[in-house]
PDB file of all heavy atoms in Angstrom:
ATOM      1  N   LEU A   1     -57.857 -43.438 -18.721  1.00  0.00           N
ATOM      2  CA  LEU A   1     -56.353 -43.690 -18.814  1.00  0.00           C
ATOM      3  C   LEU A   1     -55.769 -42.295 -19.185  1.00  0.00           C
ATOM      4  O   LEU A   1     -56.223 -41.449 -19.831  1.00  0.00           O
ATOM      5  CB  LEU A   1     -56.040 -44.701 -19.937  1.00  0.00           C
ATOM      6  CG  LEU A   1     -56.718 -45.985 -19.763  1.00  0.00           C
ATOM      7  CD1 LEU A   1     -56.282 -46.917 -21.003  1.00  0.00           C
ATOM      8  CD2 LEU A   1     -56.300 -46.590 -18.505  1.00  0.00           C
ATOM      9  N   ASP A   2     -54.377 -42.271 -18.768  1.00  0.00           N
ATOM     10  CA  ASP A   2     -53.656 -41.113 -19.249  1.00  0.00           C
ATOM     11  C   ASP A   2     -52.639 -41.504 -20.247  1.00  0.00           C
ATOM     12  O   ASP A   2     -52.575 -42.778 -20.662  1.00  0.00           O
ATOM     13  CB  ASP A   2     -52.907 -40.338 -18.114  1.00  0.00           C
ATOM     14  CG  ASP A   2     -51.857 -41.286 -17.401  1.00  0.00           C
ATOM     15  OD1 ASP A   2     -51.326 -42.257 -17.955  1.00  0.00           O
ATOM     16  OD2 ASP A   2     -51.604 -41.003 -16.248  1.00  0.00           O
ATOM     17  N   ALA A   3     -51.928 -40.647 -20.965  1.00  0.00           N
ATOM     18  CA  ALA A   3     -50.999 -40.952 -22.027  1.00  0.00           C
ATOM     19  C   ALA A   3     -49.966 -42.015 -21.573  1.00  0.00           C
ATOM     20  O   ALA A   3     -49.609 -42.903 -22.358  1.00  0.00           O
ATOM     21  CB  ALA A   3     -50.387 -39.729 -22.497  1.00  0.00           C
ATOM     22  N   ASP A   4     -49.394 -42.005 -20.339  1.00  0.00           N
ATOM     23  CA  ASP A   4     -48.501 -42.868 -20.019  1.00  0.00           C
ATOM     24  C   ASP A   4     -48.990 -44.349 -19.883  1.00  0.00           C
ATOM     25  O   ASP A   4     -48.469 -45.202 -20.182  1.00  0.00           O
ATOM     26  CB  ASP A   4     -47.891 -42.433 -18.611  1.00  0.00           C
ATOM     27  CG  ASP A   4     -46.939 -41.303 -18.696  1.00  0.00           C
ATOM     28  OD1 ASP A   4     -46.477 -40.951 -19.742  1.00  0.00           O
ATOM     29  OD2 ASP A   4     -46.781 -40.626 -17.609  1.00  0.00           O
ATOM     30  N   GLU A   5     -50.310 -44.422 -19.353  1.00  0.00           N
ATOM     31  CA  GLU A   5     -50.876 -45.680 -19.323  1.00  0.00           C
ATOM     32  C   GLU A   5     -51.224 -46.168 -20.661  1.00  0.00           C
ATOM     33  O   GLU A   5     -50.979 -47.453 -20.995  1.00  0.00           O
ATOM     34  CB  GLU A   5     -52.244 -45.599 -18.542  1.00  0.00           C
ATOM     35  CG  GLU A   5     -52.069 -45.326 -17.101  1.00  0.00           C
ATOM     36  CD  GLU A   5     -53.327 -44.853 -16.391  1.00  0.00           C
ATOM     37  OE1 GLU A   5     -54.142 -44.026 -16.841  1.00  0.00           O
ATOM     38  OE2 GLU A   5     -53.541 -45.525 -15.203  1.00  0.00           O
ATOM     39  N   MET A   6     -51.531 -45.323 -21.586  1.00  0.00           N
ATOM     40  CA  MET A   6     -51.764 -45.701 -23.029  1.00  0.00           C
ATOM     41  C   MET A   6     -50.512 -46.387 -23.671  1.00  0.00           C
ATOM     42  O   MET A   6     -50.405 -47.444 -24.149  1.00  0.00           O
ATOM     43  CB  MET A   6     -52.222 -44.536 -23.906  1.00  0.00           C
ATOM     44  CG  MET A   6     -53.550 -44.085 -23.599  1.00  0.00           C
ATOM     45  SD  MET A   6     -54.913 -44.960 -24.371  1.00  0.00           S
ATOM     46  CE  MET A   6     -54.571 -44.609 -26.128  1.00  0.00           C
ATOM     47  N   ARG A   7     -49.338 -45.623 -23.412  1.00  0.00           N
ATOM     48  CA  ARG A   7     -48.071 -46.080 -23.960  1.00  0.00           C
ATOM     49  C   ARG A   7     -47.574 -47.325 -23.239  1.00  0.00           C
ATOM     50  O   ARG A   7     -47.061 -48.196 -23.842  1.00  0.00           O
ATOM     51  CB  ARG A   7     -47.002 -45.028 -23.821  1.00  0.00           C
ATOM     52  CG  ARG A   7     -47.109 -43.873 -24.780  1.00  0.00           C
ATOM     53  CD  ARG A   7     -45.987 -42.845 -24.596  1.00  0.00           C
ATOM     54  NE  ARG A   7     -46.456 -41.597 -25.149  1.00  0.00           N
ATOM     55  CZ  ARG A   7     -46.882 -40.568 -24.430  1.00  0.00           C
ATOM     56  NH1 ARG A   7     -46.929 -40.693 -23.128  1.00  0.00           N
ATOM     57  NH2 ARG A   7     -47.224 -39.440 -24.954  1.00  0.00           N
ATOM     58  N   GLY A   8     -47.886 -47.524 -21.915  1.00  0.00           N
ATOM     59  CA  GLY A   8     -47.563 -48.583 -21.114  1.00  0.00           C
ATOM     60  C   GLY A   8     -48.221 -49.887 -21.641  1.00  0.00           C
ATOM     61  O   GLY A   8     -47.637 -51.078 -21.577  1.00  0.00           O
ATOM     62  N   HIS A   9     -49.402 -49.650 -22.281  1.00  0.00           N
ATOM     63  CA  HIS A   9     -50.081 -50.891 -22.844  1.00  0.00           C
ATOM     64  C   HIS A   9     -49.687 -51.028 -24.348  1.00  0.00           C
ATOM     65  O   HIS A   9     -50.181 -52.003 -25.068  1.00  0.00           O
ATOM     66  CB  HIS A   9     -51.570 -50.751 -22.830  1.00  0.00           C
ATOM     67  CG  HIS A   9     -52.292 -50.879 -21.405  1.00  0.00           C
ATOM     68  ND1 HIS A   9     -52.152 -52.060 -20.738  1.00  0.00           N
ATOM     69  CD2 HIS A   9     -52.576 -49.910 -20.606  1.00  0.00           C
ATOM     70  CE1 HIS A   9     -52.586 -51.903 -19.513  1.00  0.00           C
ATOM     71  NE2 HIS A   9     -52.998 -50.589 -19.478  1.00  0.00           N
ATOM     72  N   GLY A  10     -48.746 -50.268 -24.821  1.00  0.00           N
ATOM     73  CA  GLY A  10     -48.204 -50.361 -26.215  1.00  0.00           C
ATOM     74  C   GLY A  10     -49.182 -49.721 -27.112  1.00  0.00           C
ATOM     75  O   GLY A  10     -49.165 -50.101 -28.404  1.00  0.00           O
ATOM     76  N   HIS A  11     -49.975 -48.714 -26.760  1.00  0.00           N
ATOM     77  CA  HIS A  11     -50.906 -48.230 -27.681  1.00  0.00           C
ATOM     78  C   HIS A  11     -50.608 -46.519 -27.876  1.00  0.00           C
ATOM     79  O   HIS A  11     -50.090 -45.988 -27.129  1.00  0.00           O
ATOM     80  CB  HIS A  11     -52.348 -48.293 -27.139  1.00  0.00           C
ATOM     81  CG  HIS A  11     -52.696 -49.776 -27.033  1.00  0.00           C
ATOM     82  ND1 HIS A  11     -52.723 -50.690 -28.075  1.00  0.00           N
ATOM     83  CD2 HIS A  11     -52.814 -50.448 -25.859  1.00  0.00           C
ATOM     84  CE1 HIS A  11     -52.881 -51.896 -27.584  1.00  0.00           C
ATOM     85  NE2 HIS A  11     -53.028 -51.790 -26.253  1.00  0.00           N
ATOM     86  N   ASP A  12     -51.100 -46.144 -29.054  1.00  0.00           N
ATOM     87  CA  ASP A  12     -50.754 -44.866 -29.447  1.00  0.00           C
ATOM     88  C   ASP A  12     -51.728 -43.824 -28.879  1.00  0.00           C
ATOM     89  O   ASP A  12     -52.852 -43.872 -29.281  1.00  0.00           O
ATOM     90  CB  ASP A  12     -50.782 -44.751 -31.020  1.00  0.00           C
ATOM     91  CG  ASP A  12     -50.452 -43.321 -31.563  1.00  0.00           C
ATOM     92  OD1 ASP A  12     -50.158 -42.425 -30.808  1.00  0.00           O
ATOM     93  OD2 ASP A  12     -50.593 -43.175 -32.792  1.00  0.00           O
ATOM     94  N   PRO A  13     -51.266 -42.820 -28.047  1.00  0.00           N
ATOM     95  CA  PRO A  13     -52.304 -41.900 -27.576  1.00  0.00           C
ATOM     96  C   PRO A  13     -52.814 -41.040 -28.668  1.00  0.00           C
ATOM     97  O   PRO A  13     -53.794 -40.270 -28.417  1.00  0.00           O
ATOM     98  CB  PRO A  13     -51.373 -41.101 -26.508  1.00  0.00           C
ATOM     99  CG  PRO A  13     -50.184 -41.869 -26.221  1.00  0.00           C
ATOM    100  CD  PRO A  13     -49.945 -42.740 -27.571  1.00  0.00           C
ATOM    101  N   GLU A  14     -52.213 -40.881 -29.681  1.00  0.00           N
ATOM    102  CA  GLU A  14     -52.735 -40.117 -30.803  1.00  0.00           C
ATOM    103  C   GLU A  14     -53.719 -40.756 -31.731  1.00  0.00           C
ATOM    104  O   GLU A  14     -54.075 -40.289 -32.901  1.00  0.00           O
ATOM    105  CB  GLU A  14     -51.551 -39.591 -31.656  1.00  0.00           C
ATOM    106  CG  GLU A  14     -50.588 -38.733 -30.917  1.00  0.00           C
ATOM    107  CD  GLU A  14     -51.210 -37.559 -30.258  1.00  0.00           C
ATOM    108  OE1 GLU A  14     -51.936 -36.879 -30.869  1.00  0.00           O
ATOM    109  OE2 GLU A  14     -50.904 -37.318 -29.050  1.00  0.00           O
ATOM    110  N   ASP A  15     -54.048 -41.885 -31.410  1.00  0.00           N
ATOM    111  CA  ASP A  15     -55.024 -42.833 -32.135  1.00  0.00           C
ATOM    112  C   ASP A  15     -56.223 -41.958 -32.432  1.00  0.00           C
ATOM    113  O   ASP A  15     -56.925 -41.560 -31.524  1.00  0.00           O
ATOM    114  CB  ASP A  15     -55.451 -44.054 -31.483  1.00  0.00           C
ATOM    115  CG  ASP A  15     -56.412 -45.044 -32.266  1.00  0.00           C
ATOM    116  OD1 ASP A  15     -57.118 -44.534 -33.201  1.00  0.00           O
ATOM    117  OD2 ASP A  15     -56.404 -46.258 -31.937  1.00  0.00           O
ATOM    118  N   PRO A  16     -56.601 -41.542 -33.698  1.00  0.00           N
ATOM    119  CA  PRO A  16     -57.692 -40.627 -34.016  1.00  0.00           C
ATOM    120  C   PRO A  16     -59.116 -41.250 -33.721  1.00  0.00           C
ATOM    121  O   PRO A  16     -60.080 -40.590 -33.791  1.00  0.00           O
ATOM    122  CB  PRO A  16     -57.387 -40.244 -35.511  1.00  0.00           C
ATOM    123  CG  PRO A  16     -56.676 -41.508 -36.056  1.00  0.00           C
ATOM    124  CD  PRO A  16     -55.880 -41.976 -34.935  1.00  0.00           C
ATOM    125  N   ASP A  17     -59.150 -42.551 -33.611  1.00  0.00           N
ATOM    126  CA  ASP A  17     -60.447 -43.196 -33.388  1.00  0.00           C
ATOM    127  C   ASP A  17     -60.792 -43.323 -31.962  1.00  0.00           C
ATOM    128  O   ASP A  17     -61.791 -44.021 -31.633  1.00  0.00           O
ATOM    129  CB  ASP A  17     -60.413 -44.610 -34.143  1.00  0.00           C
ATOM    130  CG  ASP A  17     -60.337 -44.475 -35.716  1.00  0.00           C
ATOM    131  OD1 ASP A  17     -60.784 -43.415 -36.187  1.00  0.00           O
ATOM    132  OD2 ASP A  17     -59.768 -45.291 -36.296  1.00  0.00           O
ATOM    133  N   LEU A  18     -60.005 -42.822 -31.015  1.00  0.00           N
ATOM    134  CA  LEU A  18     -60.444 -42.900 -29.651  1.00  0.00           C
ATOM    135  C   LEU A  18     -60.827 -41.631 -29.117  1.00  0.00           C
ATOM    136  O   LEU A  18     -60.322 -40.507 -29.532  1.00  0.00           O
ATOM    137  CB  LEU A  18     -59.136 -43.378 -28.893  1.00  0.00           C
ATOM    138  CG  LEU A  18     -58.740 -45.000 -29.171  1.00  0.00           C
ATOM    139  CD1 LEU A  18     -57.443 -45.250 -28.433  1.00  0.00           C
ATOM    140  CD2 LEU A  18     -59.848 -45.882 -28.819  1.00  0.00           C
ATOM    141  N   ILE A  19     -61.740 -41.639 -28.181  1.00  0.00           N
ATOM    142  CA  ILE A  19     -62.124 -40.441 -27.419  1.00  0.00           C
ATOM    143  C   ILE A  19     -60.953 -39.960 -26.560  1.00  0.00           C
ATOM    144  O   ILE A  19     -60.516 -40.717 -25.754  1.00  0.00           O
ATOM    145  CB  ILE A  19     -63.348 -40.687 -26.588  1.00  0.00           C
ATOM    146  CG1 ILE A  19     -64.605 -41.106 -27.404  1.00  0.00           C
ATOM    147  CG2 ILE A  19     -63.729 -39.373 -25.738  1.00  0.00           C
ATOM    148  CD1 ILE A  19     -65.703 -41.669 -26.612  1.00  0.00           C
ATOM    149  N   ARG A  20     -60.667 -38.612 -26.731  1.00  0.00           N
ATOM    150  CA  ARG A  20     -59.606 -38.008 -26.046  1.00  0.00           C
ATOM    151  C   ARG A  20     -60.259 -36.770 -25.452  1.00  0.00           C
ATOM    152  O   ARG A  20     -60.809 -35.861 -26.151  1.00  0.00           O
ATOM    153  CB  ARG A  20     -58.518 -37.610 -26.895  1.00  0.00           C
ATOM    154  CG  ARG A  20     -57.147 -37.877 -26.594  1.00  0.00           C
ATOM    155  CD  ARG A  20     -56.117 -37.497 -27.409  1.00  0.00           C
ATOM    156  NE  ARG A  20     -56.420 -36.837 -28.833  1.00  0.00           N
ATOM    157  CZ  ARG A  20     -56.327 -37.593 -29.912  1.00  0.00           C
ATOM    158  NH1 ARG A  20     -55.946 -38.828 -29.976  1.00  0.00           N
ATOM    159  NH2 ARG A  20     -56.706 -36.986 -31.078  1.00  0.00           N
ATOM    160  N   LEU A  21     -60.345 -36.566 -24.140  1.00  0.00           N
ATOM    161  CA  LEU A  21     -60.921 -35.509 -23.456  1.00  0.00           C
ATOM    162  C   LEU A  21     -59.886 -34.683 -22.564  1.00  0.00           C
ATOM    163  O   LEU A  21     -59.002 -35.321 -22.032  1.00  0.00           O
ATOM    164  CB  LEU A  21     -61.989 -35.963 -22.527  1.00  0.00           C
ATOM    165  CG  LEU A  21     -63.119 -36.708 -23.230  1.00  0.00           C
ATOM    166  CD1 LEU A  21     -64.079 -37.345 -22.146  1.00  0.00           C
ATOM    167  CD2 LEU A  21     -63.902 -35.849 -24.182  1.00  0.00           C
ATOM    168  N   ASP A  22     -60.129 -33.337 -22.556  1.00  0.00           N
ATOM    169  CA  ASP A  22     -59.260 -32.555 -21.635  1.00  0.00           C
ATOM    170  C   ASP A  22     -60.002 -32.368 -20.332  1.00  0.00           C
ATOM    171  O   ASP A  22     -61.153 -31.892 -20.283  1.00  0.00           O
ATOM    172  CB  ASP A  22     -58.982 -31.235 -22.184  1.00  0.00           C
ATOM    173  CG  ASP A  22     -57.879 -31.278 -23.387  1.00  0.00           C
ATOM    174  OD1 ASP A  22     -57.089 -32.132 -23.276  1.00  0.00           O
ATOM    175  OD2 ASP A  22     -58.081 -30.519 -24.322  1.00  0.00           O
ATOM    176  N   ILE A  23     -59.535 -32.981 -19.372  1.00  0.00           N
ATOM    177  CA  ILE A  23     -60.097 -32.950 -17.945  1.00  0.00           C
ATOM    178  C   ILE A  23     -59.153 -32.376 -17.009  1.00  0.00           C
ATOM    179  O   ILE A  23     -58.020 -32.886 -16.782  1.00  0.00           O
ATOM    180  CB  ILE A  23     -60.496 -34.441 -17.488  1.00  0.00           C
ATOM    181  CG1 ILE A  23     -61.478 -35.090 -18.578  1.00  0.00           C
ATOM    182  CG2 ILE A  23     -61.191 -34.409 -16.034  1.00  0.00           C
ATOM    183  CD1 ILE A  23     -61.715 -36.628 -18.306  1.00  0.00           C
ATOM    184  N   ASP A  24     -59.508 -31.309 -16.384  1.00  0.00           N
ATOM    185  CA  ASP A  24     -58.619 -30.538 -15.572  1.00  0.00           C
ATOM    186  C   ASP A  24     -57.247 -30.268 -16.034  1.00  0.00           C
ATOM    187  O   ASP A  24     -56.232 -30.476 -15.272  1.00  0.00           O
ATOM    188  CB  ASP A  24     -58.589 -31.200 -14.087  1.00  0.00           C
ATOM    189  CG  ASP A  24     -60.004 -31.466 -13.436  1.00  0.00           C
ATOM    190  OD1 ASP A  24     -60.731 -30.446 -13.523  1.00  0.00           O
ATOM    191  OD2 ASP A  24     -60.162 -32.458 -12.786  1.00  0.00           O
ATOM    192  N   GLY A  25     -57.185 -29.968 -17.223  1.00  0.00           N
ATOM    193  CA  GLY A  25     -55.916 -29.550 -17.878  1.00  0.00           C
ATOM    194  C   GLY A  25     -55.126 -30.829 -18.279  1.00  0.00           C
ATOM    195  O   GLY A  25     -53.982 -30.665 -18.658  1.00  0.00           O
TER     196      GLY A  25
END
């Protein structure tokens, strides 16, 4: 998912308990 999809589901993209990866910038 990207940040817009996260927000679209009502979730915080900054959630520290989720894996966040930089992929192709």
